Amino acid sequence: MSDIEEIRRRRMQELQQQAAAQQAQQQSQDAQSQEQMRRELEAQKKQAMMQILTPEARSRLANLRLTKPEFVEQIELQLIQLAQMGRIKSKITDPQLKELLRKMAGQKRDINITWK
């Protein structure tokens, strides 16, 4: 009886190891596919920005991305949405982008805390 139990125990361990290996492989494939999708979306966004902005404006956004990446993401998404709706007739120049950035930065609420 102990031999049969030992064989069963070994077989169960083998099955558990195989299941764990398959799960790890599936997670790896999922991570790779998500990374691939992210790269494709970035490439599409970059292409859209090339069509929407002049080189100077793209340079300004690239510089701003170094300090405020979330803000730049928000601006890019809004520009893409405007372009898809047909509200952008020509490429946005650097002065136009500066004005847009000024307006967007002004929309933030300032939070002041006063101690009494």
PDB file of N, CA and C in Angstrom:
ATOM      1  N   MET A   1       0.806  -1.192   0.000  1.00  0.00           N
ATOM      2  CA  MET A   1       0.000   0.000   0.000  1.00  0.00           C
ATOM      3  C   MET A   1       0.853   1.262   0.000  1.00  0.00           C
ATOM      4  N   SER A   2       1.941   1.271   0.732  1.00  0.00           N
ATOM      5  CA  SER A   2       2.762   2.470   0.803  1.00  0.00           C
ATOM      6  C   SER A   2       3.401   2.783  -0.545  1.00  0.00           C
ATOM      7  N   ASP A   3       3.694   1.764  -1.359  1.00  0.00           N
ATOM      8  CA  ASP A   3       4.246   2.001  -2.688  1.00  0.00           C
ATOM      9  C   ASP A   3       3.228   2.713  -3.581  1.00  0.00           C
ATOM     10  N   ILE A   4       1.999   2.290  -3.504  1.00  0.00           N
ATOM     11  CA  ILE A   4       0.943   2.915  -4.311  1.00  0.00           C
ATOM     12  C   ILE A   4       0.740   4.359  -3.861  1.00  0.00           C
ATOM     13  N   GLU A   5       0.741   4.571  -2.554  1.00  0.00           N
ATOM     14  CA  GLU A   5       0.573   5.935  -2.036  1.00  0.00           C
ATOM     15  C   GLU A   5       1.743   6.824  -2.452  1.00  0.00           C
ATOM     16  N   GLU A   6       2.934   6.284  -2.454  1.00  0.00           N
ATOM     17  CA  GLU A   6       4.129   7.033  -2.864  1.00  0.00           C
ATOM     18  C   GLU A   6       4.033   7.402  -4.345  1.00  0.00           C
ATOM     19  N   ILE A   7       3.589   6.470  -5.168  1.00  0.00           N
ATOM     20  CA  ILE A   7       3.428   6.728  -6.608  1.00  0.00           C
ATOM     21  C   ILE A   7       2.366   7.800  -6.833  1.00  0.00           C
ATOM     22  N   ARG A   8       1.270   7.703  -6.118  1.00  0.00           N
ATOM     23  CA  ARG A   8       0.200   8.713  -6.232  1.00  0.00           C
ATOM     24  C   ARG A   8       0.712  10.095  -5.819  1.00  0.00           C
ATOM     25  N   ARG A   9       1.473  10.129  -4.730  1.00  0.00           N
ATOM     26  CA  ARG A   9       1.986  11.407  -4.229  1.00  0.00           C
ATOM     27  C   ARG A   9       2.941  12.038  -5.252  1.00  0.00           C
ATOM     28  N   ARG A  10       3.821  11.217  -5.829  1.00  0.00           N
ATOM     29  CA  ARG A  10       4.753  11.727  -6.852  1.00  0.00           C
ATOM     30  C   ARG A  10       4.002  12.229  -8.082  1.00  0.00           C
ATOM     31  N   ARG A  11       3.019  11.442  -8.500  1.00  0.00           N
ATOM     32  CA  ARG A  11       2.233  11.842  -9.684  1.00  0.00           C
ATOM     33  C   ARG A  11       1.493  13.154  -9.415  1.00  0.00           C
ATOM     34  N   MET A  12       0.957  13.303  -8.214  1.00  0.00           N
ATOM     35  CA  MET A  12       0.256  14.536  -7.848  1.00  0.00           C
ATOM     36  C   MET A  12       1.219  15.721  -7.868  1.00  0.00           C
ATOM     37  N   GLN A  13       2.431  15.534  -7.374  1.00  0.00           N
ATOM     38  CA  GLN A  13       3.430  16.605  -7.404  1.00  0.00           C
ATOM     39  C   GLN A  13       3.788  16.970  -8.840  1.00  0.00           C
ATOM     40  N   GLU A  14       3.935  15.969  -9.690  1.00  0.00           N
ATOM     41  CA  GLU A  14       4.251  16.230 -11.097  1.00  0.00           C
ATOM     42  C   GLU A  14       3.140  17.040 -11.758  1.00  0.00           C
ATOM     43  N   LEU A  15       1.890  16.644 -11.491  1.00  0.00           N
ATOM     44  CA  LEU A  15       0.755  17.369 -12.076  1.00  0.00           C
ATOM     45  C   LEU A  15       0.705  18.807 -11.578  1.00  0.00           C
ATOM     46  N   GLN A  16       0.985  19.020 -10.298  1.00  0.00           N
ATOM     47  CA  GLN A  16       0.985  20.372  -9.745  1.00  0.00           C
ATOM     48  C   GLN A  16       2.097  21.224 -10.366  1.00  0.00           C
ATOM     49  N   GLN A  17       3.257  20.614 -10.570  1.00  0.00           N
ATOM     50  CA  GLN A  17       4.365  21.336 -11.187  1.00  0.00           C
ATOM     51  C   GLN A  17       4.038  21.689 -12.637  1.00  0.00           C
ATOM     52  N   GLN A  18       3.418  20.758 -13.346  1.00  0.00           N
ATOM     53  CA  GLN A  18       3.024  21.029 -14.730  1.00  0.00           C
ATOM     54  C   GLN A  18       1.995  22.156 -14.788  1.00  0.00           C
ATOM     55  N   ALA A  19       1.036  22.125 -13.872  1.00  0.00           N
ATOM     56  CA  ALA A  19       0.011  23.169 -13.840  1.00  0.00           C
ATOM     57  C   ALA A  19       0.637  24.529 -13.538  1.00  0.00           C
ATOM     58  N   ALA A  20       1.583  24.549 -12.611  1.00  0.00           N
ATOM     59  CA  ALA A  20       2.254  25.804 -12.267  1.00  0.00           C
ATOM     60  C   ALA A  20       3.069  26.319 -13.450  1.00  0.00           C
ATOM     61  N   ALA A  21       3.727  25.420 -14.168  1.00  0.00           N
ATOM     62  CA  ALA A  21       4.516  25.825 -15.338  1.00  0.00           C
ATOM     63  C   ALA A  21       3.609  26.367 -16.432  1.00  0.00           C
ATOM     64  N   GLN A  22       2.472  25.727 -16.642  1.00  0.00           N
ATOM     65  CA  GLN A  22       1.528  26.200 -17.663  1.00  0.00           C
ATOM     66  C   GLN A  22       0.967  27.567 -17.279  1.00  0.00           C
ATOM     67  N   GLN A  23       0.683  27.757 -16.015  1.00  0.00           N
ATOM     68  CA  GLN A  23       0.165  29.045 -15.560  1.00  0.00           C
ATOM     69  C   GLN A  23       1.207  30.150 -15.746  1.00  0.00           C
ATOM     70  N   ALA A  24       2.446  29.853 -15.417  1.00  0.00           N
ATOM     71  CA  ALA A  24       3.519  30.841 -15.589  1.00  0.00           C
ATOM     72  C   ALA A  24       3.703  31.182 -17.066  1.00  0.00           C
ATOM     73  N   GLN A  25       3.615  30.171 -17.925  1.00  0.00           N
ATOM     74  CA  GLN A  25       3.746  30.402 -19.360  1.00  0.00           C
ATOM     75  C   GLN A  25       2.589  31.258 -19.874  1.00  0.00           C
ATOM     76  N   GLN A  26       1.384  31.011 -19.395  1.00  0.00           N
ATOM     77  CA  GLN A  26       0.219  31.793 -19.807  1.00  0.00           C
ATOM     78  C   GLN A  26       0.367  33.248 -19.361  1.00  0.00           C
ATOM     79  N   GLN A  27       0.842  33.445 -18.137  1.00  0.00           N
ATOM     80  CA  GLN A  27       1.050  34.814 -17.644  1.00  0.00           C
ATOM     81  C   GLN A  27       2.095  35.539 -18.469  1.00  0.00           C
ATOM     82  N   SER A  28       3.126  34.830 -18.856  1.00  0.00           N
ATOM     83  CA  SER A  28       4.177  35.418 -19.686  1.00  0.00           C
ATOM     84  C   SER A  28       3.619  35.826 -21.044  1.00  0.00           C
ATOM     85  N   GLN A  29       2.803  34.975 -21.631  1.00  0.00           N
ATOM     86  CA  GLN A  29       2.195  35.289 -22.922  1.00  0.00           C
ATOM     87  C   GLN A  29       1.250  36.473 -22.806  1.00  0.00           C
ATOM     88  N   ASP A  30       0.480  36.537 -21.715  1.00  0.00           N
ATOM     89  CA  ASP A  30      -0.425  37.659 -21.503  1.00  0.00           C
ATOM     90  C   ASP A  30       0.358  38.965 -21.378  1.00  0.00           C
ATOM     91  N   ALA A  31       1.452  38.938 -20.638  1.00  0.00           N
ATOM     92  CA  ALA A  31       2.274  40.139 -20.472  1.00  0.00           C
ATOM     93  C   ALA A  31       2.860  40.576 -21.808  1.00  0.00           C
ATOM     94  N   GLN A  32       3.299  39.620 -22.612  1.00  0.00           N
ATOM     95  CA  GLN A  32       3.855  39.947 -23.921  1.00  0.00           C
ATOM     96  C   GLN A  32       2.795  40.554 -24.827  1.00  0.00           C
ATOM     97  N   SER A  33       1.591  40.005 -24.804  1.00  0.00           N
ATOM     98  CA  SER A  33       0.541  40.541 -25.667  1.00  0.00           C
ATOM     99  C   SER A  33       0.126  41.945 -25.212  1.00  0.00           C
ATOM    100  N   GLN A  34       0.094  42.182 -23.897  1.00  0.00           N
ATOM    101  CA  GLN A  34      -0.232  43.515 -23.408  1.00  0.00           C
ATOM    102  C   GLN A  34       0.845  44.520 -23.799  1.00  0.00           C
ATOM    103  N   GLU A  35       2.086  44.110 -23.714  1.00  0.00           N
ATOM    104  CA  GLU A  35       3.193  44.989 -24.112  1.00  0.00           C
ATOM    105  C   GLU A  35       3.114  45.301 -25.602  1.00  0.00           C
ATOM    106  N   GLN A  36       2.788  44.306 -26.400  1.00  0.00           N
ATOM    107  CA  GLN A  36       2.646  44.506 -27.846  1.00  0.00           C
ATOM    108  C   GLN A  36       1.513  45.484 -28.141  1.00  0.00           C
ATOM    109  N   MET A  37       0.385  45.351 -27.454  1.00  0.00           N
ATOM    110  CA  MET A  37      -0.740  46.263 -27.657  1.00  0.00           C
ATOM    111  C   MET A  37      -0.356  47.684 -27.255  1.00  0.00           C
ATOM    112  N   ARG A  38       0.382  47.818 -26.147  1.00  0.00           N
ATOM    113  CA  ARG A  38       0.799  49.147 -25.692  1.00  0.00           C
ATOM    114  C   ARG A  38       1.703  49.808 -26.724  1.00  0.00           C
ATOM    115  N   ARG A  39       2.637  49.021 -27.291  1.00  0.00           N
ATOM    116  CA  ARG A  39       3.538  49.569 -28.314  1.00  0.00           C
ATOM    117  C   ARG A  39       2.762  49.993 -29.558  1.00  0.00           C
ATOM    118  N   GLU A  40       1.778  49.197 -29.951  1.00  0.00           N
ATOM    119  CA  GLU A  40       0.980  49.542 -31.125  1.00  0.00           C
ATOM    120  C   GLU A  40       0.197  50.828 -30.894  1.00  0.00           C
ATOM    121  N   LEU A  41      -0.384  50.976 -29.702  1.00  0.00           N
ATOM    122  CA  LEU A  41      -1.131  52.194 -29.385  1.00  0.00           C
ATOM    123  C   LEU A  41      -0.210  53.417 -29.370  1.00  0.00           C
ATOM    124  N   GLU A  42       0.979  53.249 -28.826  1.00  0.00           N
ATOM    125  CA  GLU A  42       1.948  54.348 -28.809  1.00  0.00           C
ATOM    126  C   GLU A  42       2.335  54.751 -30.232  1.00  0.00           C
ATOM    127  N   ALA A  43       2.523  53.767 -31.097  1.00  0.00           N
ATOM    128  CA  ALA A  43       2.878  54.055 -32.489  1.00  0.00           C
ATOM    129  C   ALA A  43       1.735  54.791 -33.191  1.00  0.00           C
ATOM    130  N   GLN A  44       0.508  54.374 -32.934  1.00  0.00           N
ATOM    131  CA  GLN A  44      -0.640  55.047 -33.535  1.00  0.00           C
ATOM    132  C   GLN A  44      -0.766  56.471 -33.023  1.00  0.00           C
ATOM    133  N   LYS A  45      -0.525  56.657 -31.717  1.00  0.00           N
ATOM    134  CA  LYS A  45      -0.615  58.003 -31.153  1.00  0.00           C
ATOM    135  C   LYS A  45       0.478  58.896 -31.732  1.00  0.00           C
ATOM    136  N   LYS A  46       1.671  58.350 -31.884  1.00  0.00           N
ATOM    137  CA  LYS A  46       2.776  59.117 -32.454  1.00  0.00           C
ATOM    138  C   LYS A  46       2.456  59.530 -33.888  1.00  0.00           C
ATOM    139  N   GLN A  47       1.886  58.619 -34.649  1.00  0.00           N
ATOM    140  CA  GLN A  47       1.505  58.920 -36.027  1.00  0.00           C
ATOM    141  C   GLN A  47       0.436  60.014 -36.067  1.00  0.00           C
ATOM    142  N   ALA A  48      -0.521  59.922 -35.174  1.00  0.00           N
ATOM    143  CA  ALA A  48      -1.572  60.937 -35.121  1.00  0.00           C
ATOM    144  C   ALA A  48      -0.988  62.302 -34.751  1.00  0.00           C
ATOM    145  N   MET A  49      -0.055  62.322 -33.808  1.00  0.00           N
ATOM    146  CA  MET A  49       0.564  63.587 -33.412  1.00  0.00           C
ATOM    147  C   MET A  49       1.362  64.190 -34.566  1.00  0.00           C
ATOM    148  N   MET A  50       1.961  63.360 -35.393  1.00  0.00           N
ATOM    149  CA  MET A  50       2.700  63.873 -36.550  1.00  0.00           C
ATOM    150  C   MET A  50       1.757  64.533 -37.546  1.00  0.00           C
ATOM    151  N   GLN A  51       0.530  64.052 -37.627  1.00  0.00           N
ATOM    152  CA  GLN A  51      -0.443  64.634 -38.548  1.00  0.00           C
ATOM    153  C   GLN A  51      -1.102  65.874 -37.964  1.00  0.00           C
ATOM    154  N   ILE A  52      -1.189  65.948 -36.640  1.00  0.00           N
ATOM    155  CA  ILE A  52      -1.904  67.051 -35.993  1.00  0.00           C
ATOM    156  C   ILE A  52      -0.999  68.241 -35.700  1.00  0.00           C
ATOM    157  N   LEU A  53       0.253  67.979 -35.295  1.00  0.00           N
ATOM    158  CA  LEU A  53       1.137  69.041 -34.820  1.00  0.00           C
ATOM    159  C   LEU A  53       2.288  69.320 -35.783  1.00  0.00           C
ATOM    160  N   THR A  54       2.751  70.552 -35.768  1.00  0.00           N
ATOM    161  CA  THR A  54       3.956  70.900 -36.512  1.00  0.00           C
ATOM    162  C   THR A  54       5.157  70.346 -35.746  1.00  0.00           C
ATOM    163  N   PRO A  55       6.323  70.261 -36.385  1.00  0.00           N
ATOM    164  CA  PRO A  55       7.514  69.736 -35.672  1.00  0.00           C
ATOM    165  C   PRO A  55       7.865  70.532 -34.414  1.00  0.00           C
ATOM    166  N   GLU A  56       7.702  71.846 -34.461  1.00  0.00           N
ATOM    167  CA  GLU A  56       8.018  72.670 -33.292  1.00  0.00           C
ATOM    168  C   GLU A  56       7.070  72.350 -32.135  1.00  0.00           C
ATOM    169  N   ALA A  57       5.805  72.178 -32.442  1.00  0.00           N
ATOM    170  CA  ALA A  57       4.817  71.867 -31.406  1.00  0.00           C
ATOM    171  C   ALA A  57       5.086  70.474 -30.825  1.00  0.00           C
ATOM    172  N   ARG A  58       5.449  69.523 -31.674  1.00  0.00           N
ATOM    173  CA  ARG A  58       5.778  68.173 -31.181  1.00  0.00           C
ATOM    174  C   ARG A  58       6.999  68.233 -30.266  1.00  0.00           C
ATOM    175  N   SER A  59       7.966  69.056 -30.630  1.00  0.00           N
ATOM    176  CA  SER A  59       9.162  69.214 -29.808  1.00  0.00           C
ATOM    177  C   SER A  59       8.796  69.792 -28.446  1.00  0.00           C
ATOM    178  N   ARG A  60       7.909  70.779 -28.437  1.00  0.00           N
ATOM    179  CA  ARG A  60       7.475  71.381 -27.178  1.00  0.00           C
ATOM    180  C   ARG A  60       6.793  70.333 -26.294  1.00  0.00           C
ATOM    181  N   LEU A  61       5.928  69.517 -26.887  1.00  0.00           N
ATOM    182  CA  LEU A  61       5.254  68.478 -26.105  1.00  0.00           C
ATOM    183  C   LEU A  61       6.256  67.446 -25.576  1.00  0.00           C
ATOM    184  N   ALA A  62       7.236  67.112 -26.377  1.00  0.00           N
ATOM    185  CA  ALA A  62       8.258  66.146 -25.945  1.00  0.00           C
ATOM    186  C   ALA A  62       9.035  66.698 -24.753  1.00  0.00           C
ATOM    187  N   ASN A  63       9.360  67.974 -24.794  1.00  0.00           N
ATOM    188  CA  ASN A  63      10.070  68.594 -23.669  1.00  0.00           C
ATOM    189  C   ASN A  63       9.186  68.645 -22.423  1.00  0.00           C
ATOM    190  N   LEU A  64       7.927  68.962 -22.620  1.00  0.00           N
ATOM    191  CA  LEU A  64       6.996  69.050 -21.502  1.00  0.00           C
ATOM    192  C   LEU A  64       6.740  67.673 -20.894  1.00  0.00           C
ATOM    193  N   ARG A  65       6.816  66.630 -21.720  1.00  0.00           N
ATOM    194  CA  ARG A  65       6.586  65.260 -21.237  1.00  0.00           C
ATOM    195  C   ARG A  65       7.605  64.872 -20.159  1.00  0.00           C
ATOM    196  N   LEU A  66       8.794  65.453 -20.219  1.00  0.00           N
ATOM    197  CA  LEU A  66       9.821  65.131 -19.233  1.00  0.00           C
ATOM    198  C   LEU A  66       9.419  65.571 -17.825  1.00  0.00           C
ATOM    199  N   THR A  67       8.665  66.650 -17.726  1.00  0.00           N
ATOM    200  CA  THR A  67       8.283  67.147 -16.410  1.00  0.00           C
ATOM    201  C   THR A  67       6.859  66.796 -16.025  1.00  0.00           C
ATOM    202  N   LYS A  68       5.949  66.748 -17.014  1.00  0.00           N
ATOM    203  CA  LYS A  68       4.536  66.489 -16.718  1.00  0.00           C
ATOM    204  C   LYS A  68       3.967  65.446 -17.688  1.00  0.00           C
ATOM    205  N   PRO A  69       4.348  64.186 -17.543  1.00  0.00           N
ATOM    206  CA  PRO A  69       3.893  63.171 -18.503  1.00  0.00           C
ATOM    207  C   PRO A  69       2.374  62.970 -18.511  1.00  0.00           C
ATOM    208  N   GLU A  70       1.719  63.047 -17.351  1.00  0.00           N
ATOM    209  CA  GLU A  70       0.265  62.856 -17.302  1.00  0.00           C
ATOM    210  C   GLU A  70      -0.453  63.989 -18.027  1.00  0.00           C
ATOM    211  N   PHE A  71       0.034  65.202 -17.840  1.00  0.00           N
ATOM    212  CA  PHE A  71      -0.556  66.365 -18.485  1.00  0.00           C
ATOM    213  C   PHE A  71      -0.442  66.253 -20.005  1.00  0.00           C
ATOM    214  N   VAL A  72       0.719  65.815 -20.485  1.00  0.00           N
ATOM    215  CA  VAL A  72       0.936  65.672 -21.924  1.00  0.00           C
ATOM    216  C   VAL A  72       0.036  64.571 -22.485  1.00  0.00           C
ATOM    217  N   GLU A  73      -0.130  63.479 -21.747  1.00  0.00           N
ATOM    218  CA  GLU A  73      -1.028  62.402 -22.190  1.00  0.00           C
ATOM    219  C   GLU A  73      -2.445  62.939 -22.359  1.00  0.00           C
ATOM    220  N   GLN A  74      -2.877  63.736 -21.410  1.00  0.00           N
ATOM    221  CA  GLN A  74      -4.210  64.315 -21.459  1.00  0.00           C
ATOM    222  C   GLN A  74      -4.354  65.225 -22.683  1.00  0.00           C
ATOM    223  N   ILE A  75      -3.365  66.051 -22.931  1.00  0.00           N
ATOM    224  CA  ILE A  75      -3.388  66.961 -24.084  1.00  0.00           C
ATOM    225  C   ILE A  75      -3.435  66.157 -25.386  1.00  0.00           C
ATOM    226  N   GLU A  76      -2.595  65.136 -25.478  1.00  0.00           N
ATOM    227  CA  GLU A  76      -2.549  64.337 -26.702  1.00  0.00           C
ATOM    228  C   GLU A  76      -3.891  63.661 -26.972  1.00  0.00           C
ATOM    229  N   LEU A  77      -4.498  63.110 -25.935  1.00  0.00           N
ATOM    230  CA  LEU A  77      -5.791  62.455 -26.121  1.00  0.00           C
ATOM    231  C   LEU A  77      -6.858  63.456 -26.577  1.00  0.00           C
ATOM    232  N   GLN A  78      -6.834  64.645 -26.009  1.00  0.00           N
ATOM    233  CA  GLN A  78      -7.801  65.661 -26.423  1.00  0.00           C
ATOM    234  C   GLN A  78      -7.566  66.085 -27.870  1.00  0.00           C
ATOM    235  N   LEU A  79      -6.311  66.244 -28.254  1.00  0.00           N
ATOM    236  CA  LEU A  79      -6.008  66.623 -29.632  1.00  0.00           C
ATOM    237  C   LEU A  79      -6.456  65.538 -30.614  1.00  0.00           C
ATOM    238  N   ILE A  80      -6.233  64.289 -30.255  1.00  0.00           N
ATOM    239  CA  ILE A  80      -6.658  63.189 -31.127  1.00  0.00           C
ATOM    240  C   ILE A  80      -8.180  63.163 -31.246  1.00  0.00           C
ATOM    241  N   GLN A  81      -8.865  63.380 -30.137  1.00  0.00           N
ATOM    242  CA  GLN A  81     -10.329  63.413 -30.181  1.00  0.00           C
ATOM    243  C   GLN A  81     -10.835  64.557 -31.053  1.00  0.00           C
ATOM    244  N   LEU A  82     -10.226  65.718 -30.914  1.00  0.00           N
ATOM    245  CA  LEU A  82     -10.630  66.860 -31.743  1.00  0.00           C
ATOM    246  C   LEU A  82     -10.394  66.574 -33.218  1.00  0.00           C
ATOM    247  N   ALA A  83      -9.276  65.941 -33.530  1.00  0.00           N
ATOM    248  CA  ALA A  83      -8.968  65.612 -34.921  1.00  0.00           C
ATOM    249  C   ALA A  83      -9.951  64.593 -35.462  1.00  0.00           C
ATOM    250  N   GLN A  84     -10.329  63.624 -34.653  1.00  0.00           N
ATOM    251  CA  GLN A  84     -11.285  62.612 -35.099  1.00  0.00           C
ATOM    252  C   GLN A  84     -12.662  63.206 -35.336  1.00  0.00           C
ATOM    253  N   MET A  85     -13.002  64.244 -34.576  1.00  0.00           N
ATOM    254  CA  MET A  85     -14.299  64.900 -34.759  1.00  0.00           C
ATOM    255  C   MET A  85     -14.259  65.899 -35.917  1.00  0.00           C
ATOM    256  N   GLY A  86     -13.077  66.127 -36.460  1.00  0.00           N
ATOM    257  CA  GLY A  86     -12.950  67.050 -37.578  1.00  0.00           C
ATOM    258  C   GLY A  86     -12.881  68.508 -37.172  1.00  0.00           C
ATOM    259  N   ARG A  87     -12.566  68.777 -35.941  1.00  0.00           N
ATOM    260  CA  ARG A  87     -12.519  70.164 -35.461  1.00  0.00           C
ATOM    261  C   ARG A  87     -11.162  70.806 -35.659  1.00  0.00           C
ATOM    262  N   ILE A  88     -10.160  70.011 -36.072  1.00  0.00           N
ATOM    263  CA  ILE A  88      -8.836  70.563 -36.370  1.00  0.00           C
ATOM    264  C   ILE A  88      -8.699  70.587 -37.885  1.00  0.00           C
ATOM    265  N   LYS A  89      -8.606  71.787 -38.435  1.00  0.00           N
ATOM    266  CA  LYS A  89      -8.570  71.941 -39.891  1.00  0.00           C
ATOM    267  C   LYS A  89      -7.159  71.894 -40.456  1.00  0.00           C
ATOM    268  N   SER A  90      -6.183  72.406 -39.702  1.00  0.00           N
ATOM    269  CA  SER A  90      -4.795  72.401 -40.163  1.00  0.00           C
ATOM    270  C   SER A  90      -3.905  72.017 -38.979  1.00  0.00           C
ATOM    271  N   LYS A  91      -2.625  71.840 -39.262  1.00  0.00           N
ATOM    272  CA  LYS A  91      -1.705  71.457 -38.193  1.00  0.00           C
ATOM    273  C   LYS A  91      -1.629  72.552 -37.137  1.00  0.00           C
ATOM    274  N   ILE A  92      -1.536  72.133 -35.896  1.00  0.00           N
ATOM    275  CA  ILE A  92      -1.435  73.073 -34.787  1.00  0.00           C
ATOM    276  C   ILE A  92       0.015  73.517 -34.669  1.00  0.00           C
ATOM    277  N   THR A  93       0.213  74.831 -34.667  1.00  0.00           N
ATOM    278  CA  THR A  93       1.558  75.402 -34.593  1.00  0.00           C
ATOM    279  C   THR A  93       1.984  75.542 -33.133  1.00  0.00           C
ATOM    280  N   ASP A  94       3.238  75.889 -32.947  1.00  0.00           N
ATOM    281  CA  ASP A  94       3.773  76.052 -31.598  1.00  0.00           C
ATOM    282  C   ASP A  94       3.040  77.150 -30.823  1.00  0.00           C
ATOM    283  N   PRO A  95       2.798  78.336 -31.405  1.00  0.00           N
ATOM    284  CA  PRO A  95       2.044  79.358 -30.640  1.00  0.00           C
ATOM    285  C   PRO A  95       0.626  78.898 -30.277  1.00  0.00           C
ATOM    286  N   GLN A  96      -0.019  78.167 -31.189  1.00  0.00           N
ATOM    287  CA  GLN A  96      -1.358  77.666 -30.879  1.00  0.00           C
ATOM    288  C   GLN A  96      -1.293  76.644 -29.742  1.00  0.00           C
ATOM    289  N   LEU A  97      -0.275  75.814 -29.761  1.00  0.00           N
ATOM    290  CA  LEU A  97      -0.115  74.818 -28.701  1.00  0.00           C
ATOM    291  C   LEU A  97       0.168  75.505 -27.369  1.00  0.00           C
ATOM    292  N   LYS A  98       0.986  76.553 -27.387  1.00  0.00           N
ATOM    293  CA  LYS A  98       1.275  77.301 -26.157  1.00  0.00           C
ATOM    294  C   LYS A  98      -0.023  77.824 -25.552  1.00  0.00           C
ATOM    295  N   GLU A  99      -0.877  78.384 -26.392  1.00  0.00           N
ATOM    296  CA  GLU A  99      -2.155  78.926 -25.913  1.00  0.00           C
ATOM    297  C   GLU A  99      -3.035  77.811 -25.337  1.00  0.00           C
ATOM    298  N   LEU A 100      -3.067  76.681 -26.023  1.00  0.00           N
ATOM    299  CA  LEU A 100      -3.844  75.538 -25.543  1.00  0.00           C
ATOM    300  C   LEU A 100      -3.306  75.052 -24.196  1.00  0.00           C
ATOM    301  N   LEU A 101      -1.993  74.970 -24.074  1.00  0.00           N
ATOM    302  CA  LEU A 101      -1.385  74.544 -22.817  1.00  0.00           C
ATOM    303  C   LEU A 101      -1.688  75.532 -21.698  1.00  0.00           C
ATOM    304  N   ARG A 102      -1.650  76.813 -22.022  1.00  0.00           N
ATOM    305  CA  ARG A 102      -1.959  77.843 -21.031  1.00  0.00           C
ATOM    306  C   ARG A 102      -3.391  77.684 -20.537  1.00  0.00           C
ATOM    307  N   LYS A 103      -4.310  77.439 -21.463  1.00  0.00           N
ATOM    308  CA  LYS A 103      -5.716  77.264 -21.076  1.00  0.00           C
ATOM    309  C   LYS A 103      -5.906  76.004 -20.235  1.00  0.00           C
ATOM    310  N   MET A 104      -5.261  74.930 -20.650  1.00  0.00           N
ATOM    311  CA  MET A 104      -5.405  73.673 -19.917  1.00  0.00           C
ATOM    312  C   MET A 104      -4.788  73.768 -18.528  1.00  0.00           C
ATOM    313  N   ALA A 105      -3.671  74.430 -18.401  1.00  0.00           N
ATOM    314  CA  ALA A 105      -3.022  74.568 -17.097  1.00  0.00           C
ATOM    315  C   ALA A 105      -3.872  75.441 -16.181  1.00  0.00           C
ATOM    316  N   GLY A 106      -4.611  76.379 -16.749  1.00  0.00           N
ATOM    317  CA  GLY A 106      -5.460  77.262 -15.959  1.00  0.00           C
ATOM    318  C   GLY A 106      -6.702  76.577 -15.439  1.00  0.00           C
ATOM    319  N   GLN A 107      -7.040  75.419 -15.979  1.00  0.00           N
ATOM    320  CA  GLN A 107      -8.243  74.723 -15.542  1.00  0.00           C
ATOM    321  C   GLN A 107      -8.052  73.980 -14.223  1.00  0.00           C
ATOM    322  N   LYS A 108      -6.825  73.812 -13.821  1.00  0.00           N
ATOM    323  CA  LYS A 108      -6.569  73.120 -12.564  1.00  0.00           C
ATOM    324  C   LYS A 108      -7.058  73.978 -11.408  1.00  0.00           C
ATOM    325  N   ARG A 109      -7.572  73.322 -10.409  1.00  0.00           N
ATOM    326  CA  ARG A 109      -7.996  74.045  -9.222  1.00  0.00           C
ATOM    327  C   ARG A 109      -6.823  74.117  -8.252  1.00  0.00           C
ATOM    328  N   ASP A 110      -6.623  75.282  -7.715  1.00  0.00           N
ATOM    329  CA  ASP A 110      -5.595  75.440  -6.696  1.00  0.00           C
ATOM    330  C   ASP A 110      -6.209  75.105  -5.340  1.00  0.00           C
ATOM    331  N   ILE A 111      -5.508  74.312  -4.590  1.00  0.00           N
ATOM    332  CA  ILE A 111      -5.990  73.927  -3.266  1.00  0.00           C
ATOM    333  C   ILE A 111      -5.137  74.649  -2.239  1.00  0.00           C
ATOM    334  N   ASN A 112      -5.781  75.482  -1.492  1.00  0.00           N
ATOM    335  CA  ASN A 112      -5.086  76.239  -0.459  1.00  0.00           C
ATOM    336  C   ASN A 112      -5.544  75.737   0.897  1.00  0.00           C
ATOM    337  N   ILE A 113      -4.600  75.419   1.744  1.00  0.00           N
ATOM    338  CA  ILE A 113      -4.923  74.987   3.093  1.00  0.00           C
ATOM    339  C   ILE A 113      -4.444  76.062   4.045  1.00  0.00           C
ATOM    340  N   THR A 114      -5.366  76.541   4.838  1.00  0.00           N
ATOM    341  CA  THR A 114      -4.992  77.556   5.831  1.00  0.00           C
ATOM    342  C   THR A 114      -5.201  76.966   7.216  1.00  0.00           C
ATOM    343  N   TRP A 115      -4.228  77.215   8.059  1.00  0.00           N
ATOM    344  CA  TRP A 115      -4.282  76.720   9.430  1.00  0.00           C
ATOM    345  C   TRP A 115      -4.755  77.847  10.330  1.00  0.00           C
ATOM    346  N   LYS A 116      -5.674  77.528  11.192  1.00  0.00           N
ATOM    347  CA  LYS A 116      -6.204  78.548  12.110  1.00  0.00           C
ATOM    348  C   LYS A 116      -5.842  78.200  13.532  1.00  0.00           C
TER     349      LYS A 116
END
